[in-house]
Amino acid sequence: MNRTTSITLAAILVVATVAVPLAAASVVSSGDAQAAPDADADTESIKPGERFAAAVGVQNAELEGDVSERAFDARIANAESNRTKAAVVAAGVNETDARMTELEDRLADLNESRDTGAISEGRYRAAVATIVAEMRSLERRAATAETAAAELPPEALAAHGIDEGSIRTLRERAGDLGGPETAAIARSIAGDDVGSSAGNERAPEVPSDASENRSDDSHGSGPGSANGST
């Protein structure tokens, strides 16, 4: 009996010797796994109120942008001649340019405030998401202007100090605001669709070759020639 008891105790000690390190390793692995989600501390540290502020800001920017885009479309459509249409396009381009400058300055201020610790990461991301949402709207408005300009005689555009190249540059400037990092920050707090139109998909296609789409009003063949559009 004593011999059997000794063997049993020895077996228990062997099992315990192997099991304890394994259990410890399991605890360490579990701790590492739990720590993994905290790798992106910036995103995880965002408060619910800051996420809500981002959602509201983005939604408002998308709604206001959609209204502005539709109004711009209507003004272009209602223009009765190439001369008045060019004036509408130029006004829209100038408004878009001015607003883009304001947003670029705002983004620079936000970056400085974050670097100095003047605002929290959550407030920073919420503000950036709103800026990106509005900038996407400005990009669509610039694309609308570019499409409309492709159908106008160059001299009509030049009379208002714009041309297709300058409008294209404006559109690209809106699309590149802050670079990929800024866009990723916006998506991290507002989702992948940040900046999409609040209405139906309606972003205009940018002409690949504007010369093919421009009406030849100088020969009286364009739709605006009946109105004395030159």
Protein backbone atom coordinates (compact mmCIF):
# COMPACT_ATOMS: atom_id res chain seq x y z
CA MET A 1 0.00 0.00 0.00
CA ASN A 2 2.79 2.40 0.91
CA ARG A 3 4.53 1.64 -2.36
CA THR A 4 1.33 2.32 -4.30
CA THR A 5 0.78 5.59 -2.44
CA SER A 6 4.34 6.72 -3.19
CA ILE A 7 3.89 6.01 -6.89
CA THR A 8 0.61 7.94 -6.94
CA LEU A 9 2.16 10.95 -5.22
CA ALA A 10 5.09 10.91 -7.61
CA ALA A 11 2.73 10.87 -10.58
CA ILE A 12 0.80 13.83 -9.16
CA LEU A 13 4.02 15.79 -8.71
CA VAL A 14 5.09 15.12 -12.30
CA VAL A 15 1.72 16.26 -13.65
CA ALA A 16 1.81 19.37 -11.48
CA THR A 17 5.35 20.17 -12.63
CA VAL A 18 4.25 20.09 -16.27
CA ALA A 19 0.86 21.75 -15.78
CA VAL A 20 2.01 24.83 -13.87
CA PRO A 21 4.28 26.22 -16.62
CA LEU A 22 1.61 25.45 -19.22
CA ALA A 23 -1.00 27.30 -17.19
CA ALA A 24 1.31 30.25 -16.77
CA ALA A 25 1.98 30.34 -20.49
CA SER A 26 -1.74 30.23 -21.11
CA VAL A 27 -2.29 33.23 -18.85
CA VAL A 28 0.45 35.22 -20.62
CA SER A 29 -0.98 34.37 -24.04
CA SER A 30 -4.45 35.35 -22.89
CA GLY A 31 -3.12 38.66 -21.60
CA ASP A 32 -1.41 39.34 -24.92
CA ALA A 33 -4.59 38.56 -26.82
CA GLN A 34 -6.58 40.91 -24.64
CA ALA A 35 -4.02 43.64 -25.15
CA ALA A 36 -4.18 43.37 -28.96
CA PRO A 37 -7.39 45.39 -29.42
CA ASP A 38 -5.75 48.25 -27.53
CA ALA A 39 -3.02 48.51 -30.15
CA ASP A 40 -4.86 51.41 -31.80
CA ALA A 41 -5.08 53.41 -28.62
CA ASP A 42 -6.08 56.59 -30.45
CA THR A 43 -9.26 55.06 -31.83
CA GLU A 44 -10.16 53.12 -28.69
CA SER A 45 -9.75 56.24 -26.52
CA ILE A 46 -12.45 58.14 -28.37
CA LYS A 47 -15.42 58.84 -26.12
CA PRO A 48 -19.01 58.03 -27.13
CA GLY A 49 -19.87 61.73 -27.05
CA GLU A 50 -17.04 62.47 -29.47
CA ARG A 51 -18.24 59.75 -31.84
CA PHE A 52 -21.73 61.21 -31.65
CA ALA A 53 -20.38 64.69 -32.41
CA ALA A 54 -18.57 63.26 -35.44
CA ALA A 55 -21.72 61.53 -36.70
CA VAL A 56 -23.79 64.70 -36.35
CA GLY A 57 -21.13 66.89 -37.95
CA VAL A 58 -20.66 64.54 -40.89
CA GLN A 59 -24.40 64.15 -41.45
CA ASN A 60 -24.94 67.93 -41.42
CA ALA A 61 -22.04 68.44 -43.83
CA GLU A 62 -23.43 65.81 -46.19
CA LEU A 63 -26.96 67.25 -46.11
CA GLU A 64 -25.81 70.82 -46.61
CA GLY A 65 -23.46 69.71 -49.34
CA ASP A 66 -26.22 67.83 -51.12
CA VAL A 67 -28.49 70.89 -51.07
CA SER A 68 -25.66 73.09 -52.33
CA GLU A 69 -24.78 70.66 -55.13
CA ARG A 70 -28.38 70.44 -56.32
CA ALA A 71 -28.75 74.21 -56.27
CA PHE A 72 -25.57 74.55 -58.34
CA ASP A 73 -26.88 71.96 -60.82
CA ALA A 74 -30.16 73.89 -61.11
CA ARG A 75 -28.41 77.22 -61.71
CA ILE A 76 -26.36 75.69 -64.52
CA ALA A 77 -29.39 73.99 -66.07
CA ASN A 78 -31.44 77.18 -65.94
CA ALA A 79 -28.78 79.34 -67.58
CA GLU A 80 -30.15 80.44 -70.96
CA SER A 81 -26.92 81.05 -72.81
CA ASN A 82 -23.30 80.00 -72.78
CA ARG A 83 -22.41 83.43 -71.45
CA THR A 84 -24.70 83.13 -68.42
CA LYS A 85 -23.79 79.48 -67.93
CA ALA A 86 -20.10 80.40 -67.84
CA ALA A 87 -20.90 83.07 -65.26
CA VAL A 88 -22.71 80.50 -63.09
CA VAL A 89 -19.82 78.04 -63.40
CA ALA A 90 -17.29 80.75 -62.53
CA ALA A 91 -19.29 81.82 -59.47
CA GLY A 92 -19.51 78.21 -58.29
CA VAL A 93 -15.78 77.68 -58.84
CA ASN A 94 -14.89 80.83 -56.91
CA GLU A 95 -17.18 79.87 -54.01
CA THR A 96 -15.72 76.37 -53.96
CA ASP A 97 -12.16 77.70 -54.02
CA ALA A 98 -12.82 80.11 -51.15
CA ARG A 99 -14.46 77.46 -49.00
CA MET A 100 -11.68 74.98 -49.69
CA THR A 101 -9.12 77.53 -48.50
CA GLU A 102 -11.09 77.95 -45.27
CA LEU A 103 -11.19 74.19 -44.72
CA GLU A 104 -7.48 73.82 -45.44
CA ASP A 105 -6.72 76.51 -42.86
CA ARG A 106 -9.07 74.82 -40.40
CA LEU A 107 -7.32 71.48 -40.88
CA ALA A 108 -3.92 73.10 -40.33
CA ASP A 109 -5.18 74.63 -37.07
CA LEU A 110 -6.54 71.27 -35.93
CA ASN A 111 -3.25 69.53 -36.65
CA GLU A 112 -1.40 72.15 -34.62
CA SER A 113 -3.88 71.88 -31.75
CA ARG A 114 -3.49 68.11 -31.64
CA ASP A 115 0.30 68.35 -31.73
CA THR A 116 0.29 70.74 -28.78
CA GLY A 117 -2.29 68.72 -26.85
CA ALA A 118 -4.83 71.54 -26.93
CA ILE A 119 -7.61 69.17 -28.01
CA SER A 120 -8.27 65.49 -27.41
CA GLU A 121 -7.76 62.85 -30.07
CA GLY A 122 -11.50 62.26 -30.21
CA ARG A 123 -12.37 65.92 -30.76
CA TYR A 124 -9.65 66.13 -33.40
CA ARG A 125 -10.95 63.12 -35.31
CA ALA A 126 -14.55 64.31 -35.11
CA ALA A 127 -13.58 67.70 -36.56
CA VAL A 128 -11.45 66.12 -39.28
CA ALA A 129 -14.32 63.81 -40.29
CA THR A 130 -16.62 66.81 -40.71
CA ILE A 131 -14.03 68.63 -42.81
CA VAL A 132 -13.51 65.59 -45.03
CA ALA A 133 -17.27 65.20 -45.51
CA GLU A 134 -17.59 68.80 -46.66
CA MET A 135 -14.52 68.52 -48.85
CA ARG A 136 -16.01 65.52 -50.67
CA SER A 137 -19.04 67.68 -51.43
CA LEU A 138 -16.79 70.43 -52.78
CA GLU A 139 -15.02 67.84 -54.91
CA ARG A 140 -18.34 66.78 -56.45
CA ARG A 141 -19.30 70.43 -57.04
CA ALA A 142 -15.98 71.02 -58.80
CA ALA A 143 -16.61 67.93 -60.93
CA THR A 144 -20.01 69.36 -61.91
CA ALA A 145 -18.33 72.62 -62.88
CA GLU A 146 -15.71 70.75 -64.88
CA THR A 147 -18.38 68.80 -66.78
CA ALA A 148 -20.33 71.99 -67.53
CA ALA A 149 -17.17 73.82 -68.61
CA ALA A 150 -16.37 71.05 -71.09
CA GLU A 151 -19.50 72.02 -73.02
CA LEU A 152 -18.69 75.74 -73.17
CA PRO A 153 -16.49 77.68 -75.60
CA PRO A 154 -13.09 78.51 -74.07
CA GLU A 155 -13.65 82.22 -74.68
CA ALA A 156 -16.82 82.18 -72.59
CA LEU A 157 -14.86 80.72 -69.68
CA ALA A 158 -11.89 83.01 -70.20
CA ALA A 159 -14.18 86.03 -69.93
CA HIS A 160 -14.70 85.03 -66.29
CA GLY A 161 -11.08 84.15 -65.57
CA ILE A 162 -11.43 80.35 -65.54
CA ASP A 163 -10.64 77.42 -67.82
CA GLU A 164 -10.98 73.67 -67.73
CA GLY A 165 -7.46 73.18 -66.41
CA SER A 166 -7.99 75.42 -63.39
CA ILE A 167 -11.28 73.69 -62.56
CA ARG A 168 -9.64 70.27 -62.84
CA THR A 169 -6.88 71.41 -60.49
CA LEU A 170 -9.53 72.60 -58.04
CA ARG A 171 -11.28 69.20 -58.12
CA GLU A 172 -8.01 67.34 -57.57
CA ARG A 173 -7.09 69.69 -54.74
CA ALA A 174 -10.35 68.83 -52.98
CA GLY A 175 -9.78 65.12 -53.46
CA ASP A 176 -6.25 65.28 -52.08
CA LEU A 177 -6.95 67.37 -48.96
CA GLY A 178 -4.69 66.19 -46.18
CA GLY A 179 -3.65 63.08 -48.08
CA PRO A 180 -4.48 59.44 -47.28
CA GLU A 181 -3.82 59.88 -43.56
CA THR A 182 -6.56 62.49 -43.19
CA ALA A 183 -9.02 60.30 -45.09
CA ALA A 184 -8.14 57.32 -42.88
CA ILE A 185 -8.70 59.40 -39.74
CA ALA A 186 -12.13 60.41 -41.00
CA ARG A 187 -13.06 56.79 -41.77
CA SER A 188 -11.85 55.63 -38.37
CA ILE A 189 -14.52 57.63 -36.58
CA ALA A 190 -17.25 58.18 -39.21
CA GLY A 191 -17.09 55.03 -41.34
CA ASP A 192 -16.06 54.21 -44.88
CA ASP A 193 -18.88 56.23 -46.48
CA VAL A 194 -17.90 59.54 -44.91
CA GLY A 195 -18.55 62.37 -47.34
CA SER A 196 -20.92 60.47 -49.61
CA SER A 197 -23.89 62.32 -51.05
CA ALA A 198 -26.90 62.38 -48.72
CA GLY A 199 -29.16 61.79 -51.72
CA ASN A 200 -28.98 59.24 -54.52
CA GLU A 201 -25.73 58.50 -56.27
CA ARG A 202 -25.42 61.50 -58.52
CA ALA A 203 -21.76 62.45 -58.78
CA PRO A 204 -21.14 63.67 -62.32
CA GLU A 205 -18.68 61.90 -64.55
CA VAL A 206 -15.63 63.91 -65.43
CA PRO A 207 -15.10 63.97 -69.21
CA SER A 208 -11.97 62.13 -70.29
CA ASP A 209 -11.64 64.29 -73.38
CA ALA A 210 -13.38 67.60 -72.93
CA SER A 211 -12.94 68.59 -76.56
CA GLU A 212 -15.25 65.80 -77.67
CA ASN A 213 -18.08 67.04 -75.45
CA ARG A 214 -17.86 70.77 -76.09
CA SER A 215 -20.58 72.23 -78.27
CA ASP A 216 -19.30 74.18 -81.24
CA ASP A 217 -21.27 77.36 -80.59
CA SER A 218 -18.97 79.44 -82.68
CA HIS A 219 -20.59 77.79 -85.73
CA GLY A 220 -24.12 78.16 -84.39
CA SER A 221 -24.63 74.41 -83.94
CA GLY A 222 -24.72 74.34 -80.11
CA PRO A 223 -27.96 74.28 -78.13
CA GLY A 224 -27.29 77.78 -76.80
CA SER A 225 -26.78 79.38 -80.20
CA ALA A 226 -30.46 80.22 -80.52
CA ASN A 227 -30.07 82.44 -77.47
CA GLY A 228 -27.09 84.37 -78.73
CA SER A 229 -24.85 82.48 -76.31
CA THR A 230 -21.47 83.66 -77.41
